[in-house]
Amino acid sequence: MRKRDPIFWCATGIFVLAIALFAVTHHQFWIALMIGSYLLRPTLASLGVARRNIDERQMSVHYRSGNIGFAVLLIMCVIFMAKLELENNHDFEWFSTAIIVGLVAKALSNVLLSKNFREAASKIIISAGLLIALFASMDGGSFIGILMQAAPGLAIAGIGLLAKKYPRTVGLVVTLATACLVLLIMTVGLANSKSLWGQIAVAVIVGAPLLTAGISLFLPPRGDTEAELR
């Protein structure tokens, strides 16, 4: 049985607030509160907060149920995305964006929770570069065109390889380059109001991992000292 600790009562309070909000306003924000109520304890446990209020068995159950729930959610997104695409409704792009953001968030969590920040940052930059190269090459046409389109992404992946040897230098380059890239993406979005939300999604998908990686390269890696950073 779940302990009646402060986390339980906070989650219960959020749940009651969600029900009351729906009853009074019928606003869809109540779903966000419901999610917060349900995920409060496992999220705090995953972040290493309030570990004393959750035992190993609970953590194991949360881990397995969370993976199953995440997989079911992705499958439902794929089904809805396919349905909308068959109807020639381009709103299916929102489901594909949700899938990508979810996978990126899970990947970032996996590498960052290991607390080996230098290794995590290198993996993030390499993965982001390869994904950018993959998606960019789809419009290449000829073999030469594919190489030219993929070159920026491959260059980013190469920078990721250098991150292990020159963490602070690469961190500075990646952080500044990401800030400029996000600014450019948002400028394009503001210039065309119809694509604003799409540009915001692109900025988050591209910018969040790279910015996280750039900042992580300034943090001392696990088992190393500050003097070893360049």
C-alpha atoms as a PDB file:
ATOM      1  CA  MET A   1       0.000   0.000   0.000  1.00  0.00           C
ATOM      2  CA  ARG A   2       1.277   3.481  -0.877  1.00  0.00           C
ATOM      3  CA  LYS A   3       2.426   5.465   2.131  1.00  0.00           C
ATOM      4  CA  ARG A   4       0.364   8.448   3.250  1.00  0.00           C
ATOM      5  CA  ASP A   5       3.352  10.796   3.084  1.00  0.00           C
ATOM      6  CA  PRO A   6       3.581  14.453   1.929  1.00  0.00           C
ATOM      7  CA  ILE A   7       3.974  13.349  -1.707  1.00  0.00           C
ATOM      8  CA  PHE A   8       0.739  11.347  -1.491  1.00  0.00           C
ATOM      9  CA  TRP A   9      -1.196  14.287  -0.081  1.00  0.00           C
ATOM     10  CA  CYS A  10       0.263  16.693  -2.681  1.00  0.00           C
ATOM     11  CA  ALA A  11      -0.708  14.320  -5.488  1.00  0.00           C
ATOM     12  CA  THR A  12      -4.183  13.913  -3.985  1.00  0.00           C
ATOM     13  CA  GLY A  13      -4.586  17.680  -3.753  1.00  0.00           C
ATOM     14  CA  ILE A  14      -3.600  18.108  -7.410  1.00  0.00           C
ATOM     15  CA  PHE A  15      -6.050  15.348  -8.387  1.00  0.00           C
ATOM     16  CA  VAL A  16      -8.926  17.006  -6.502  1.00  0.00           C
ATOM     17  CA  LEU A  17      -8.019  20.372  -8.052  1.00  0.00           C
ATOM     18  CA  ALA A  18      -8.099  18.781 -11.525  1.00  0.00           C
ATOM     19  CA  ILE A  19     -11.576  17.346 -10.952  1.00  0.00           C
ATOM     20  CA  ALA A  20     -12.835  20.657  -9.549  1.00  0.00           C
ATOM     21  CA  LEU A  21     -11.378  22.592 -12.480  1.00  0.00           C
ATOM     22  CA  PHE A  22     -13.089  20.298 -14.979  1.00  0.00           C
ATOM     23  CA  ALA A  23     -16.395  20.474 -13.131  1.00  0.00           C
ATOM     24  CA  VAL A  24     -16.377  24.279 -13.005  1.00  0.00           C
ATOM     25  CA  THR A  25     -14.757  25.309 -16.303  1.00  0.00           C
ATOM     26  CA  HIS A  26     -14.579  22.186 -18.536  1.00  0.00           C
ATOM     27  CA  HIS A  27     -11.191  23.545 -19.595  1.00  0.00           C
ATOM     28  CA  GLN A  28      -8.754  20.954 -20.925  1.00  0.00           C
ATOM     29  CA  PHE A  29      -6.037  22.149 -18.550  1.00  0.00           C
ATOM     30  CA  TRP A  30      -7.486  19.697 -16.038  1.00  0.00           C
ATOM     31  CA  ILE A  31      -5.763  16.903 -17.960  1.00  0.00           C
ATOM     32  CA  ALA A  32      -2.364  18.504 -17.309  1.00  0.00           C
ATOM     33  CA  LEU A  33      -3.149  18.569 -13.578  1.00  0.00           C
ATOM     34  CA  MET A  34      -4.250  14.941 -13.722  1.00  0.00           C
ATOM     35  CA  ILE A  35      -0.952  13.990 -15.345  1.00  0.00           C
ATOM     36  CA  GLY A  36       0.934  15.937 -12.689  1.00  0.00           C
ATOM     37  CA  SER A  37      -0.945  14.122  -9.938  1.00  0.00           C
ATOM     38  CA  TYR A  38      -0.252  10.682 -11.383  1.00  0.00           C
ATOM     39  CA  LEU A  39       3.408  11.245 -12.248  1.00  0.00           C
ATOM     40  CA  LEU A  40       4.458  13.304  -9.225  1.00  0.00           C
ATOM     41  CA  ARG A  41       5.904  10.456  -7.145  1.00  0.00           C
ATOM     42  CA  PRO A  42       7.704   8.510  -9.939  1.00  0.00           C
ATOM     43  CA  THR A  43       9.111  11.731 -11.383  1.00  0.00           C
ATOM     44  CA  LEU A  44      10.531  12.851  -8.044  1.00  0.00           C
ATOM     45  CA  ALA A  45      11.966   9.371  -7.514  1.00  0.00           C
ATOM     46  CA  SER A  46      13.580   9.359 -10.958  1.00  0.00           C
ATOM     47  CA  LEU A  47      15.180  12.732 -10.245  1.00  0.00           C
ATOM     48  CA  GLY A  48      16.557  11.460  -6.943  1.00  0.00           C
ATOM     49  CA  VAL A  49      14.235  13.620  -4.840  1.00  0.00           C
ATOM     50  CA  ALA A  50      12.413  12.196  -1.816  1.00  0.00           C
ATOM     51  CA  ARG A  51      13.982   8.760  -2.272  1.00  0.00           C
ATOM     52  CA  ARG A  52      13.206   7.940   1.358  1.00  0.00           C
ATOM     53  CA  ASN A  53       9.488   8.110   0.528  1.00  0.00           C
ATOM     54  CA  ILE A  54       9.638   5.355  -2.065  1.00  0.00           C
ATOM     55  CA  ASP A  55      11.009   1.816  -1.802  1.00  0.00           C
ATOM     56  CA  GLU A  56      12.852  -0.245  -4.419  1.00  0.00           C
ATOM     57  CA  ARG A  57       9.780  -2.299  -5.262  1.00  0.00           C
ATOM     58  CA  GLN A  58       7.791   0.857  -6.011  1.00  0.00           C
ATOM     59  CA  MET A  59      10.613   2.174  -8.185  1.00  0.00           C
ATOM     60  CA  SER A  60      10.732  -1.098 -10.124  1.00  0.00           C
ATOM     61  CA  VAL A  61       6.969  -1.024 -10.662  1.00  0.00           C
ATOM     62  CA  HIS A  62       7.055   2.629 -11.748  1.00  0.00           C
ATOM     63  CA  TYR A  63       9.927   1.891 -14.139  1.00  0.00           C
ATOM     64  CA  ARG A  64       8.161  -1.007 -15.845  1.00  0.00           C
ATOM     65  CA  SER A  65       4.724   0.605 -15.937  1.00  0.00           C
ATOM     66  CA  GLY A  66       6.256   3.849 -17.219  1.00  0.00           C
ATOM     67  CA  ASN A  67       7.948   2.090 -20.128  1.00  0.00           C
ATOM     68  CA  ILE A  68       4.743   0.228 -20.991  1.00  0.00           C
ATOM     69  CA  GLY A  69       2.670   3.411 -20.775  1.00  0.00           C
ATOM     70  CA  PHE A  70       5.163   5.329 -22.923  1.00  0.00           C
ATOM     71  CA  ALA A  71       5.130   2.572 -25.557  1.00  0.00           C
ATOM     72  CA  VAL A  72       1.302   2.533 -25.620  1.00  0.00           C
ATOM     73  CA  LEU A  73       1.213   6.321 -25.943  1.00  0.00           C
ATOM     74  CA  LEU A  74       3.621   6.223 -28.911  1.00  0.00           C
ATOM     75  CA  ILE A  75       1.581   3.483 -30.596  1.00  0.00           C
ATOM     76  CA  MET A  76      -1.612   5.528 -30.216  1.00  0.00           C
ATOM     77  CA  CYS A  77       0.167   8.589 -31.661  1.00  0.00           C
ATOM     78  CA  VAL A  78       1.273   6.523 -34.664  1.00  0.00           C
ATOM     79  CA  ILE A  79      -2.305   5.252 -35.196  1.00  0.00           C
ATOM     80  CA  PHE A  80      -3.804   8.756 -35.010  1.00  0.00           C
ATOM     81  CA  MET A  81      -1.016  10.110 -37.229  1.00  0.00           C
ATOM     82  CA  ALA A  82      -1.688   7.453 -39.879  1.00  0.00           C
ATOM     83  CA  LYS A  83      -5.437   8.139 -39.736  1.00  0.00           C
ATOM     84  CA  LEU A  84      -4.998  11.888 -40.247  1.00  0.00           C
ATOM     85  CA  GLU A  85      -2.475  11.367 -43.034  1.00  0.00           C
ATOM     86  CA  LEU A  86      -4.906   9.077 -44.895  1.00  0.00           C
ATOM     87  CA  GLU A  87      -7.502  11.837 -44.572  1.00  0.00           C
ATOM     88  CA  ASN A  88      -4.954  14.311 -46.021  1.00  0.00           C
ATOM     89  CA  ASN A  89      -5.122  16.250 -42.762  1.00  0.00           C
ATOM     90  CA  HIS A  90      -1.719  17.778 -42.061  1.00  0.00           C
ATOM     91  CA  ASP A  91      -2.455  17.950 -38.353  1.00  0.00           C
ATOM     92  CA  PHE A  92      -0.777  14.536 -38.276  1.00  0.00           C
ATOM     93  CA  GLU A  93       2.510  16.480 -38.077  1.00  0.00           C
ATOM     94  CA  TRP A  94       1.683  17.371 -34.471  1.00  0.00           C
ATOM     95  CA  PHE A  95       1.590  13.692 -33.556  1.00  0.00           C
ATOM     96  CA  SER A  96       4.916  13.073 -35.278  1.00  0.00           C
ATOM     97  CA  THR A  97       6.350  16.065 -33.395  1.00  0.00           C
ATOM     98  CA  ALA A  98       5.044  14.657 -30.103  1.00  0.00           C
ATOM     99  CA  ILE A  99       6.690  11.298 -30.862  1.00  0.00           C
ATOM    100  CA  ILE A 100      10.040  12.904 -31.669  1.00  0.00           C
ATOM    101  CA  VAL A 101       9.939  15.137 -28.581  1.00  0.00           C
ATOM    102  CA  GLY A 102       9.070  12.149 -26.386  1.00  0.00           C
ATOM    103  CA  LEU A 103      11.907  10.040 -27.764  1.00  0.00           C
ATOM    104  CA  VAL A 104      14.366  12.927 -27.460  1.00  0.00           C
ATOM    105  CA  ALA A 105      13.286  13.558 -23.858  1.00  0.00           C
ATOM    106  CA  LYS A 106      13.729   9.878 -22.983  1.00  0.00           C
ATOM    107  CA  ALA A 107      17.145   9.744 -24.647  1.00  0.00           C
ATOM    108  CA  LEU A 108      18.275  12.925 -22.874  1.00  0.00           C
ATOM    109  CA  SER A 109      17.050  11.592 -19.548  1.00  0.00           C
ATOM    110  CA  ASN A 110      18.882   8.307 -20.028  1.00  0.00           C
ATOM    111  CA  VAL A 111      22.240   9.955 -20.673  1.00  0.00           C
ATOM    112  CA  LEU A 112      21.938  12.850 -18.220  1.00  0.00           C
ATOM    113  CA  LEU A 113      20.740  10.786 -15.261  1.00  0.00           C
ATOM    114  CA  SER A 114      23.976   8.808 -15.539  1.00  0.00           C
ATOM    115  CA  LYS A 115      25.660  12.087 -14.416  1.00  0.00           C
ATOM    116  CA  ASN A 116      28.569  11.472 -16.780  1.00  0.00           C
ATOM    117  CA  PHE A 117      28.010  14.834 -18.412  1.00  0.00           C
ATOM    118  CA  ARG A 118      30.946  14.862 -20.828  1.00  0.00           C
ATOM    119  CA  GLU A 119      30.056  11.442 -22.242  1.00  0.00           C
ATOM    120  CA  ALA A 120      26.363  12.366 -22.376  1.00  0.00           C
ATOM    121  CA  ALA A 121      27.050  15.628 -24.209  1.00  0.00           C
ATOM    122  CA  SER A 122      29.201  13.891 -26.802  1.00  0.00           C
ATOM    123  CA  LYS A 123      26.488  11.305 -27.483  1.00  0.00           C
ATOM    124  CA  ILE A 124      23.808  14.002 -27.762  1.00  0.00           C
ATOM    125  CA  ILE A 125      25.808  16.064 -30.267  1.00  0.00           C
ATOM    126  CA  ILE A 126      26.715  13.035 -32.379  1.00  0.00           C
ATOM    127  CA  SER A 127      23.110  11.770 -32.390  1.00  0.00           C
ATOM    128  CA  ALA A 128      21.721  15.206 -33.255  1.00  0.00           C
ATOM    129  CA  GLY A 129      24.233  15.595 -36.083  1.00  0.00           C
ATOM    130  CA  LEU A 130      23.401  12.197 -37.560  1.00  0.00           C
ATOM    131  CA  LEU A 131      19.651  12.880 -37.351  1.00  0.00           C
ATOM    132  CA  ILE A 132      20.071  16.270 -39.028  1.00  0.00           C
ATOM    133  CA  ALA A 133      22.179  14.645 -41.752  1.00  0.00           C
ATOM    134  CA  LEU A 134      19.563  11.916 -42.235  1.00  0.00           C
ATOM    135  CA  PHE A 135      16.591  14.252 -42.589  1.00  0.00           C
ATOM    136  CA  ALA A 136      18.503  16.786 -44.706  1.00  0.00           C
ATOM    137  CA  SER A 137      19.718  14.112 -47.142  1.00  0.00           C
ATOM    138  CA  MET A 138      16.161  13.094 -48.010  1.00  0.00           C
ATOM    139  CA  ASP A 139      15.892  16.091 -50.339  1.00  0.00           C
ATOM    140  CA  GLY A 140      19.326  15.606 -51.891  1.00  0.00           C
ATOM    141  CA  GLY A 141      18.278  13.832 -55.080  1.00  0.00           C
ATOM    142  CA  SER A 142      21.626  12.764 -56.553  1.00  0.00           C
ATOM    143  CA  PHE A 143      24.496  11.191 -54.606  1.00  0.00           C
ATOM    144  CA  ILE A 144      26.439  14.476 -54.645  1.00  0.00           C
ATOM    145  CA  GLY A 145      23.342  16.344 -53.559  1.00  0.00           C
ATOM    146  CA  ILE A 146      22.802  13.940 -50.668  1.00  0.00           C
ATOM    147  CA  LEU A 147      26.381  14.458 -49.491  1.00  0.00           C
ATOM    148  CA  MET A 148      26.063  18.236 -49.713  1.00  0.00           C
ATOM    149  CA  GLN A 149      22.778  18.256 -47.812  1.00  0.00           C
ATOM    150  CA  ALA A 150      24.130  15.892 -45.157  1.00  0.00           C
ATOM    151  CA  ALA A 151      27.439  17.745 -44.722  1.00  0.00           C
ATOM    152  CA  PRO A 152      26.275  20.161 -41.948  1.00  0.00           C
ATOM    153  CA  GLY A 153      24.840  17.309 -39.893  1.00  0.00           C
ATOM    154  CA  LEU A 154      27.967  15.219 -40.362  1.00  0.00           C
ATOM    155  CA  ALA A 155      30.052  18.233 -39.310  1.00  0.00           C
ATOM    156  CA  ILE A 156      28.012  18.459 -36.094  1.00  0.00           C
ATOM    157  CA  ALA A 157      28.591  14.749 -35.467  1.00  0.00           C
ATOM    158  CA  GLY A 158      32.334  15.339 -35.980  1.00  0.00           C
ATOM    159  CA  ILE A 159      32.241  18.139 -33.422  1.00  0.00           C
ATOM    160  CA  GLY A 160      30.607  15.664 -31.031  1.00  0.00           C
ATOM    161  CA  LEU A 161      33.614  13.378 -31.412  1.00  0.00           C
ATOM    162  CA  LEU A 162      35.935  16.255 -30.507  1.00  0.00           C
ATOM    163  CA  ALA A 163      33.870  17.052 -27.411  1.00  0.00           C
ATOM    164  CA  LYS A 164      35.595  14.334 -25.400  1.00  0.00           C
ATOM    165  CA  LYS A 165      39.015  15.908 -25.951  1.00  0.00           C
ATOM    166  CA  TYR A 166      38.118  19.614 -25.954  1.00  0.00           C
ATOM    167  CA  PRO A 167      34.946  19.822 -23.842  1.00  0.00           C
ATOM    168  CA  ARG A 168      34.891  23.518 -22.985  1.00  0.00           C
ATOM    169  CA  THR A 169      35.909  24.692 -26.455  1.00  0.00           C
ATOM    170  CA  VAL A 170      33.275  22.513 -28.097  1.00  0.00           C
ATOM    171  CA  GLY A 171      30.746  23.481 -25.408  1.00  0.00           C
ATOM    172  CA  LEU A 172      31.212  27.166 -26.188  1.00  0.00           C
ATOM    173  CA  VAL A 173      30.945  26.578 -29.954  1.00  0.00           C
ATOM    174  CA  VAL A 174      27.851  24.383 -29.641  1.00  0.00           C
ATOM    175  CA  THR A 175      26.092  26.761 -27.217  1.00  0.00           C
ATOM    176  CA  LEU A 176      26.677  29.842 -29.392  1.00  0.00           C
ATOM    177  CA  ALA A 177      25.838  27.988 -32.624  1.00  0.00           C
ATOM    178  CA  THR A 178      22.629  26.593 -31.102  1.00  0.00           C
ATOM    179  CA  ALA A 179      21.566  30.027 -29.877  1.00  0.00           C
ATOM    180  CA  CYS A 180      22.096  31.460 -33.370  1.00  0.00           C
ATOM    181  CA  LEU A 181      20.247  28.529 -34.970  1.00  0.00           C
ATOM    182  CA  VAL A 182      17.253  28.847 -32.636  1.00  0.00           C
ATOM    183  CA  LEU A 183      17.174  32.620 -33.251  1.00  0.00           C
ATOM    184  CA  LEU A 184      17.171  32.015 -37.020  1.00  0.00           C
ATOM    185  CA  ILE A 185      14.394  29.421 -36.766  1.00  0.00           C
ATOM    186  CA  MET A 186      12.233  31.702 -34.618  1.00  0.00           C
ATOM    187  CA  THR A 187      12.848  34.653 -36.957  1.00  0.00           C
ATOM    188  CA  VAL A 188      11.516  32.598 -39.859  1.00  0.00           C
ATOM    189  CA  GLY A 189       8.532  31.563 -37.743  1.00  0.00           C
ATOM    190  CA  LEU A 190       7.706  35.133 -36.699  1.00  0.00           C
ATOM    191  CA  ALA A 191       7.908  36.238 -40.333  1.00  0.00           C
ATOM    192  CA  ASN A 192       5.263  33.655 -41.245  1.00  0.00           C
ATOM    193  CA  SER A 193       2.560  33.380 -38.611  1.00  0.00           C
ATOM    194  CA  LYS A 194       1.119  30.235 -40.235  1.00  0.00           C
ATOM    195  CA  SER A 195       4.271  28.281 -39.495  1.00  0.00           C
ATOM    196  CA  LEU A 196       5.013  29.845 -36.099  1.00  0.00           C
ATOM    197  CA  TRP A 197       4.058  26.815 -34.000  1.00  0.00           C
ATOM    198  CA  GLY A 198       5.872  24.488 -36.371  1.00  0.00           C
ATOM    199  CA  GLN A 199       9.009  26.610 -36.094  1.00  0.00           C
ATOM    200  CA  ILE A 200       8.713  26.619 -32.307  1.00  0.00           C
ATOM    201  CA  ALA A 201       8.520  22.817 -32.360  1.00  0.00           C
ATOM    202  CA  VAL A 202      11.590  22.622 -34.608  1.00  0.00           C
ATOM    203  CA  ALA A 203      13.471  25.040 -32.348  1.00  0.00           C
ATOM    204  CA  VAL A 204      12.678  22.896 -29.291  1.00  0.00           C
ATOM    205  CA  ILE A 205      13.544  19.594 -30.998  1.00  0.00           C
ATOM    206  CA  VAL A 206      16.844  20.899 -32.384  1.00  0.00           C
ATOM    207  CA  GLY A 207      17.783  23.453 -29.751  1.00  0.00           C
ATOM    208  CA  ALA A 208      17.001  21.676 -26.473  1.00  0.00           C
ATOM    209  CA  PRO A 209      19.343  18.681 -26.952  1.00  0.00           C
ATOM    210  CA  LEU A 210      22.210  20.730 -28.397  1.00  0.00           C
ATOM    211  CA  LEU A 211      21.903  23.466 -25.773  1.00  0.00           C
ATOM    212  CA  THR A 212      21.791  20.829 -23.033  1.00  0.00           C
ATOM    213  CA  ALA A 213      24.911  19.222 -24.504  1.00  0.00           C
ATOM    214  CA  GLY A 214      26.745  22.539 -24.762  1.00  0.00           C
ATOM    215  CA  ILE A 215      26.043  23.426 -21.141  1.00  0.00           C
ATOM    216  CA  SER A 216      26.874  19.888 -19.964  1.00  0.00           C
ATOM    217  CA  LEU A 217      30.368  20.182 -21.426  1.00  0.00           C
ATOM    218  CA  PHE A 218      31.157  22.902 -18.871  1.00  0.00           C
ATOM    219  CA  LEU A 219      30.300  20.567 -15.985  1.00  0.00           C
ATOM    220  CA  PRO A 220      32.960  18.332 -14.411  1.00  0.00           C
ATOM    221  CA  PRO A 221      32.618  14.754 -15.691  1.00  0.00           C
ATOM    222  CA  ARG A 222      32.141  11.942 -13.232  1.00  0.00           C
ATOM    223  CA  GLY A 223      35.441  10.775 -11.782  1.00  0.00           C
ATOM    224  CA  ASP A 224      37.430  13.727 -13.190  1.00  0.00           C
ATOM    225  CA  THR A 225      38.566  16.963 -11.611  1.00  0.00           C
ATOM    226  CA  GLU A 226      37.953  20.497 -12.733  1.00  0.00           C
ATOM    227  CA  ALA A 227      41.631  20.886 -13.661  1.00  0.00           C
ATOM    228  CA  GLU A 228      41.294  18.231 -16.369  1.00  0.00           C
ATOM    229  CA  LEU A 229      38.790  20.311 -18.328  1.00  0.00           C
ATOM    230  CA  ARG A 230      40.162  22.395 -21.173  1.00  0.00           C
END
